PDB file of all heavy atoms in Angstrom:
ATOM      1  N   ILE A   1       0.840  -1.204   0.000  1.00  0.00           N
ATOM      2  CA  ILE A   1       0.000   0.000   0.000  1.00  0.00           C
ATOM      3  C   ILE A   1       0.876   1.255   0.000  1.00  0.00           C
ATOM      4  O   ILE A   1       0.660   2.180  -0.800  1.00  0.00           O
ATOM      5  CB  ILE A   1      -0.927   0.009   1.229  1.00  0.00           C
ATOM      6  CG1 ILE A   1      -1.986  -1.101   1.124  1.00  0.00           C
ATOM      7  CG2 ILE A   1      -1.600   1.370   1.409  1.00  0.00           C
ATOM      8  CD1 ILE A   1      -3.049  -0.861   0.094  1.00  0.00           C
ATOM      9  N   GLN A   2       1.860   1.282   0.886  1.00  0.00           N
ATOM     10  CA  GLN A   2       2.718   2.463   0.986  1.00  0.00           C
ATOM     11  C   GLN A   2       3.524   2.659  -0.294  1.00  0.00           C
ATOM     12  O   GLN A   2       3.700   3.806  -0.762  1.00  0.00           O
ATOM     13  CB  GLN A   2       3.656   2.316   2.184  1.00  0.00           C
ATOM     14  CG  GLN A   2       4.426   3.578   2.520  1.00  0.00           C
ATOM     15  CD  GLN A   2       3.521   4.746   2.858  1.00  0.00           C
ATOM     16  OE1 GLN A   2       2.745   4.681   3.802  1.00  0.00           O
ATOM     17  NE2 GLN A   2       3.595   5.817   2.078  1.00  0.00           N
ATOM     18  N   GLN A   3       3.992   1.571  -0.889  1.00  0.00           N
ATOM     19  CA  GLN A   3       4.747   1.675  -2.137  1.00  0.00           C
ATOM     20  C   GLN A   3       3.888   2.246  -3.263  1.00  0.00           C
ATOM     21  O   GLN A   3       4.349   3.082  -4.045  1.00  0.00           O
ATOM     22  CB  GLN A   3       5.291   0.306  -2.534  1.00  0.00           C
ATOM     23  CG  GLN A   3       6.409  -0.206  -1.624  1.00  0.00           C
ATOM     24  CD  GLN A   3       6.755  -1.661  -1.890  1.00  0.00           C
ATOM     25  OE1 GLN A   3       6.185  -2.304  -2.790  1.00  0.00           O
ATOM     26  NE2 GLN A   3       7.668  -2.213  -1.100  1.00  0.00           N
ATOM     27  N   LYS A   4       2.637   1.820  -3.344  1.00  0.00           N
ATOM     28  CA  LYS A   4       1.738   2.339  -4.384  1.00  0.00           C
ATOM     29  C   LYS A   4       1.461   3.821  -4.173  1.00  0.00           C
ATOM     30  O   LYS A   4       1.403   4.598  -5.130  1.00  0.00           O
ATOM     31  CB  LYS A   4       0.433   1.544  -4.392  1.00  0.00           C
ATOM     32  CG  LYS A   4       0.550   0.157  -4.995  1.00  0.00           C
ATOM     33  CD  LYS A   4      -0.815  -0.491  -5.189  1.00  0.00           C
ATOM     34  CE  LYS A   4      -0.680  -1.829  -5.907  1.00  0.00           C
ATOM     35  NZ  LYS A   4      -1.998  -2.457  -6.192  1.00  0.00           N
ATOM     36  N   ILE A   5       1.264   4.207  -2.918  1.00  0.00           N
ATOM     37  CA  ILE A   5       1.030   5.625  -2.619  1.00  0.00           C
ATOM     38  C   ILE A   5       2.228   6.456  -3.064  1.00  0.00           C
ATOM     39  O   ILE A   5       2.079   7.504  -3.721  1.00  0.00           O
ATOM     40  CB  ILE A   5       0.761   5.814  -1.118  1.00  0.00           C
ATOM     41  CG1 ILE A   5      -0.584   5.184  -0.739  1.00  0.00           C
ATOM     42  CG2 ILE A   5       0.776   7.294  -0.739  1.00  0.00           C
ATOM     43  CD1 ILE A   5      -0.841   5.151   0.758  1.00  0.00           C
ATOM     44  N   ASP A   6       3.439   6.000  -2.736  1.00  0.00           N
ATOM     45  CA  ASP A   6       4.657   6.737  -3.098  1.00  0.00           C
ATOM     46  C   ASP A   6       4.856   6.745  -4.614  1.00  0.00           C
ATOM     47  O   ASP A   6       5.201   7.781  -5.201  1.00  0.00           O
ATOM     48  CB  ASP A   6       5.868   6.110  -2.409  1.00  0.00           C
ATOM     49  CG  ASP A   6       5.803   6.234  -0.887  1.00  0.00           C
ATOM     50  OD1 ASP A   6       5.064   7.120  -0.396  1.00  0.00           O
ATOM     51  OD2 ASP A   6       6.469   5.431  -0.203  1.00  0.00           O
ATOM     52  N   HIS A   7       4.640   5.584  -5.246  1.00  0.00           N
ATOM     53  CA  HIS A   7       4.861   5.481  -6.699  1.00  0.00           C
ATOM     54  C   HIS A   7       3.930   6.394  -7.481  1.00  0.00           C
ATOM     55  O   HIS A   7       4.334   7.002  -8.490  1.00  0.00           O
ATOM     56  CB  HIS A   7       4.673   4.027  -7.141  1.00  0.00           C
ATOM     57  CG  HIS A   7       4.783   3.827  -8.620  1.00  0.00           C
ATOM     58  ND1 HIS A   7       5.988   3.900  -9.301  1.00  0.00           N
ATOM     59  CD2 HIS A   7       3.829   3.549  -9.561  1.00  0.00           C
ATOM     60  CE1 HIS A   7       5.777   3.694 -10.586  1.00  0.00           C
ATOM     61  NE2 HIS A   7       4.476   3.475 -10.775  1.00  0.00           N
ATOM     62  N   LEU A   8       2.681   6.533  -7.024  1.00  0.00           N
ATOM     63  CA  LEU A   8       1.705   7.363  -7.724  1.00  0.00           C
ATOM     64  C   LEU A   8       1.740   8.817  -7.275  1.00  0.00           C
ATOM     65  O   LEU A   8       0.960   9.638  -7.773  1.00  0.00           O
ATOM     66  CB  LEU A   8       0.300   6.785  -7.523  1.00  0.00           C
ATOM     67  CG  LEU A   8       0.047   5.395  -8.134  1.00  0.00           C
ATOM     68  CD1 LEU A   8      -1.293   4.840  -7.689  1.00  0.00           C
ATOM     69  CD2 LEU A   8       0.115   5.475  -9.663  1.00  0.00           C
ATOM     70  N   GLY A   9       2.621   9.125  -6.335  1.00  0.00           N
ATOM     71  CA  GLY A   9       2.738  10.504  -5.864  1.00  0.00           C
ATOM     72  C   GLY A   9       1.504  11.000  -5.121  1.00  0.00           C
ATOM     73  O   GLY A   9       1.092  12.154  -5.279  1.00  0.00           O
ATOM     74  N   LEU A  10       0.933  10.131  -4.273  1.00  0.00           N
ATOM     75  CA  LEU A  10      -0.328  10.459  -3.602  1.00  0.00           C
ATOM     76  C   LEU A  10      -0.146  10.720  -2.108  1.00  0.00           C
ATOM     77  O   LEU A  10      -1.132  10.725  -1.356  1.00  0.00           O
ATOM     78  CB  LEU A  10      -1.330   9.321  -3.794  1.00  0.00           C
ATOM     79  CG  LEU A  10      -1.673   8.938  -5.232  1.00  0.00           C
ATOM     80  CD1 LEU A  10      -2.639   7.758  -5.241  1.00  0.00           C
ATOM     81  CD2 LEU A  10      -2.273  10.128  -5.970  1.00  0.00           C
ATOM     82  N   ALA A  11       1.085  10.950  -1.682  1.00  0.00           N
ATOM     83  CA  ALA A  11       1.346  11.075  -0.244  1.00  0.00           C
ATOM     84  C   ALA A  11       0.554  12.213   0.392  1.00  0.00           C
ATOM     85  O   ALA A  11       0.178  12.129   1.570  1.00  0.00           O
ATOM     86  CB  ALA A  11       2.840  11.274   0.002  1.00  0.00           C
ATOM     87  N   ASP A  12       0.282  13.279  -0.374  1.00  0.00           N
ATOM     88  CA  ASP A  12      -0.458  14.415   0.192  1.00  0.00           C
ATOM     89  C   ASP A  12      -1.967  14.272   0.016  1.00  0.00           C
ATOM     90  O   ASP A  12      -2.719  15.166   0.431  1.00  0.00           O
ATOM     91  CB  ASP A  12       0.017  15.722  -0.439  1.00  0.00           C
ATOM     92  CG  ASP A  12      -0.241  15.758  -1.942  1.00  0.00           C
ATOM     93  OD1 ASP A  12      -0.337  14.679  -2.560  1.00  0.00           O
ATOM     94  OD2 ASP A  12      -0.355  16.875  -2.503  1.00  0.00           O
ATOM     95  N   ARG A  13      -2.401  13.174  -0.599  1.00  0.00           N
ATOM     96  CA  ARG A  13      -3.832  12.984  -0.844  1.00  0.00           C
ATOM     97  C   ARG A  13      -4.402  11.748  -0.153  1.00  0.00           C
ATOM     98  O   ARG A  13      -5.620  11.564  -0.123  1.00  0.00           O
ATOM     99  CB  ARG A  13      -4.104  12.863  -2.361  1.00  0.00           C
ATOM    100  CG  ARG A  13      -3.550  14.004  -3.204  1.00  0.00           C
ATOM    101  CD  ARG A  13      -4.279  15.306  -2.936  1.00  0.00           C
ATOM    102  NE  ARG A  13      -5.671  15.258  -3.323  1.00  0.00           N
ATOM    103  CZ  ARG A  13      -6.112  15.501  -4.573  1.00  0.00           C
ATOM    104  NH1 ARG A  13      -5.243  15.774  -5.557  1.00  0.00           N
ATOM    105  NH2 ARG A  13      -7.398  15.475  -4.855  1.00  0.00           N
ATOM    106  N   VAL A  14      -3.509  10.892   0.368  1.00  0.00           N
ATOM    107  CA  VAL A  14      -3.938   9.658   1.031  1.00  0.00           C
ATOM    108  C   VAL A  14      -3.374   9.642   2.443  1.00  0.00           C
ATOM    109  O   VAL A  14      -2.175   9.804   2.646  1.00  0.00           O
ATOM    110  CB  VAL A  14      -3.464   8.404   0.263  1.00  0.00           C
ATOM    111  CG1 VAL A  14      -3.913   7.139   1.000  1.00  0.00           C
ATOM    112  CG2 VAL A  14      -4.004   8.408  -1.161  1.00  0.00           C
ATOM    113  N   LEU A  15      -4.245   9.431   3.414  1.00  0.00           N
ATOM    114  CA  LEU A  15      -3.848   9.397   4.820  1.00  0.00           C
ATOM    115  C   LEU A  15      -4.108   8.017   5.393  1.00  0.00           C
ATOM    116  O   LEU A  15      -5.217   7.485   5.276  1.00  0.00           O
ATOM    117  CB  LEU A  15      -4.635  10.441   5.624  1.00  0.00           C
ATOM    118  CG  LEU A  15      -4.485  10.379   7.151  1.00  0.00           C
ATOM    119  CD1 LEU A  15      -3.047  10.704   7.560  1.00  0.00           C
ATOM    120  CD2 LEU A  15      -5.472  11.333   7.827  1.00  0.00           C
ATOM    121  N   LEU A  16      -3.078   7.431   6.022  1.00  0.00           N
ATOM    122  CA  LEU A  16      -3.215   6.184   6.759  1.00  0.00           C
ATOM    123  C   LEU A  16      -3.203   6.523   8.242  1.00  0.00           C
ATOM    124  O   LEU A  16      -2.197   7.002   8.767  1.00  0.00           O
ATOM    125  CB  LEU A  16      -2.083   5.209   6.436  1.00  0.00           C
ATOM    126  CG  LEU A  16      -2.178   4.419   5.120  1.00  0.00           C
ATOM    127  CD1 LEU A  16      -1.999   5.316   3.907  1.00  0.00           C
ATOM    128  CD2 LEU A  16      -1.157   3.288   5.095  1.00  0.00           C
ATOM    129  N   THR A  17      -4.312   6.288   8.922  1.00  0.00           N
ATOM    130  CA  THR A  17      -4.419   6.685  10.328  1.00  0.00           C
ATOM    131  C   THR A  17      -3.864   5.655  11.282  1.00  0.00           C
ATOM    132  O   THR A  17      -3.583   5.969  12.444  1.00  0.00           O
ATOM    133  CB  THR A  17      -5.886   6.942  10.708  1.00  0.00           C
ATOM    134  OG1 THR A  17      -6.592   5.694  10.722  1.00  0.00           O
ATOM    135  CG2 THR A  17      -6.548   7.900   9.734  1.00  0.00           C
ATOM    136  N   GLY A  18      -3.722   4.406  10.838  1.00  0.00           N
ATOM    137  CA  GLY A  18      -3.417   3.333  11.763  1.00  0.00           C
ATOM    138  C   GLY A  18      -4.665   2.901  12.513  1.00  0.00           C
ATOM    139  O   GLY A  18      -5.758   3.440  12.306  1.00  0.00           O
ATOM    140  N   GLY A  19      -4.495   1.921  13.394  1.00  0.00           N
ATOM    141  CA  GLY A  19      -5.637   1.420  14.152  1.00  0.00           C
ATOM    142  C   GLY A  19      -6.062   2.384  15.242  1.00  0.00           C
ATOM    143  O   GLY A  19      -5.246   3.140  15.787  1.00  0.00           O
ATOM    144  N   MET A  20      -7.336   2.367  15.552  1.00  0.00           N
ATOM    145  CA  MET A  20      -7.888   3.170  16.639  1.00  0.00           C
ATOM    146  C   MET A  20      -8.773   2.288  17.492  1.00  0.00           C
ATOM    147  O   MET A  20      -9.407   1.366  16.979  1.00  0.00           O
ATOM    148  CB  MET A  20      -8.683   4.356  16.080  1.00  0.00           C
ATOM    149  CG  MET A  20      -7.800   5.464  15.512  1.00  0.00           C
ATOM    150  SD  MET A  20      -8.738   6.861  14.851  1.00  0.00           S
ATOM    151  CE  MET A  20      -8.968   6.316  13.157  1.00  0.00           C
ATOM    152  N   PRO A  21      -8.823   2.548  18.799  1.00  0.00           N
ATOM    153  CA  PRO A  21      -9.666   1.736  19.681  1.00  0.00           C
ATOM    154  C   PRO A  21     -11.128   1.792  19.259  1.00  0.00           C
ATOM    155  O   PRO A  21     -11.548   2.705  18.537  1.00  0.00           O
ATOM    156  CB  PRO A  21      -9.467   2.384  21.064  1.00  0.00           C
ATOM    157  CG  PRO A  21      -8.191   3.140  20.956  1.00  0.00           C
ATOM    158  CD  PRO A  21      -8.090   3.593  19.533  1.00  0.00           C
ATOM    159  N   PRO A  22     -11.925   0.816  19.687  1.00  0.00           N
ATOM    160  CA  PRO A  22     -13.345   0.819  19.336  1.00  0.00           C
ATOM    161  C   PRO A  22     -14.040   2.063  19.861  1.00  0.00           C
ATOM    162  O   PRO A  22     -13.760   2.533  20.959  1.00  0.00           O
ATOM    163  CB  PRO A  22     -13.872  -0.445  20.030  1.00  0.00           C
ATOM    164  CG  PRO A  22     -12.899  -0.710  21.134  1.00  0.00           C
ATOM    165  CD  PRO A  22     -11.574  -0.273  20.610  1.00  0.00           C
ATOM    166  N   ASP A  23     -14.939   2.589  19.064  1.00  0.00           N
ATOM    167  CA  ASP A  23     -15.726   3.777  19.433  1.00  0.00           C
ATOM    168  C   ASP A  23     -14.838   4.984  19.728  1.00  0.00           C
ATOM    169  O   ASP A  23     -15.220   5.880  20.488  1.00  0.00           O
ATOM    170  CB  ASP A  23     -16.636   3.480  20.625  1.00  0.00           C
ATOM    171  CG  ASP A  23     -17.605   2.348  20.331  1.00  0.00           C
ATOM    172  OD1 ASP A  23     -18.072   2.260  19.181  1.00  0.00           O
ATOM    173  OD2 ASP A  23     -17.895   1.557  21.245  1.00  0.00           O
ATOM    174  N   ASP A  24     -13.653   5.015  19.125  1.00  0.00           N
ATOM    175  CA  ASP A  24     -12.750   6.151  19.296  1.00  0.00           C
ATOM    176  C   ASP A  24     -13.423   7.409  18.745  1.00  0.00           C
ATOM    177  O   ASP A  24     -13.893   7.422  17.607  1.00  0.00           O
ATOM    178  CB  ASP A  24     -11.445   5.880  18.547  1.00  0.00           C
ATOM    179  CG  ASP A  24     -10.356   6.887  18.883  1.00  0.00           C
ATOM    180  OD1 ASP A  24     -10.613   8.091  18.802  1.00  0.00           O
ATOM    181  OD2 ASP A  24      -9.245   6.448  19.222  1.00  0.00           O
ATOM    182  N   PRO A  25     -13.480   8.509  19.522  1.00  0.00           N
ATOM    183  CA  PRO A  25     -14.101   9.739  19.021  1.00  0.00           C
ATOM    184  C   PRO A  25     -13.477  10.243  17.727  1.00  0.00           C
ATOM    185  O   PRO A  25     -14.165  10.850  16.900  1.00  0.00           O
ATOM    186  CB  PRO A  25     -13.881  10.733  20.172  1.00  0.00           C
ATOM    187  CG  PRO A  25     -13.756   9.886  21.396  1.00  0.00           C
ATOM    188  CD  PRO A  25     -13.064   8.629  20.933  1.00  0.00           C
ATOM    189  N   ARG A  26     -12.177   9.980  17.534  1.00  0.00           N
ATOM    190  CA  ARG A  26     -11.537  10.410  16.283  1.00  0.00           C
ATOM    191  C   ARG A  26     -12.131   9.681  15.083  1.00  0.00           C
ATOM    192  O   ARG A  26     -12.365  10.287  14.028  1.00  0.00           O
ATOM    193  CB  ARG A  26     -10.025  10.151  16.353  1.00  0.00           C
ATOM    194  CG  ARG A  26      -9.283  10.952  17.409  1.00  0.00           C
ATOM    195  CD  ARG A  26      -7.847  10.480  17.519  1.00  0.00           C
ATOM    196  NE  ARG A  26      -7.802   9.072  17.941  1.00  0.00           N
ATOM    197  CZ  ARG A  26      -6.701   8.318  17.920  1.00  0.00           C
ATOM    198  NH1 ARG A  26      -5.563   8.829  17.447  1.00  0.00           N
ATOM    199  NH2 ARG A  26      -6.744   7.063  18.328  1.00  0.00           N
TER     200      ARG A  26
END
């Protein structure tokens, strides 16, 4: 996933948040 984002130049348009706890307000 990260390689495709970098290869297509989408780093400023795609955000990976990582995992968040259940019912996280964020």
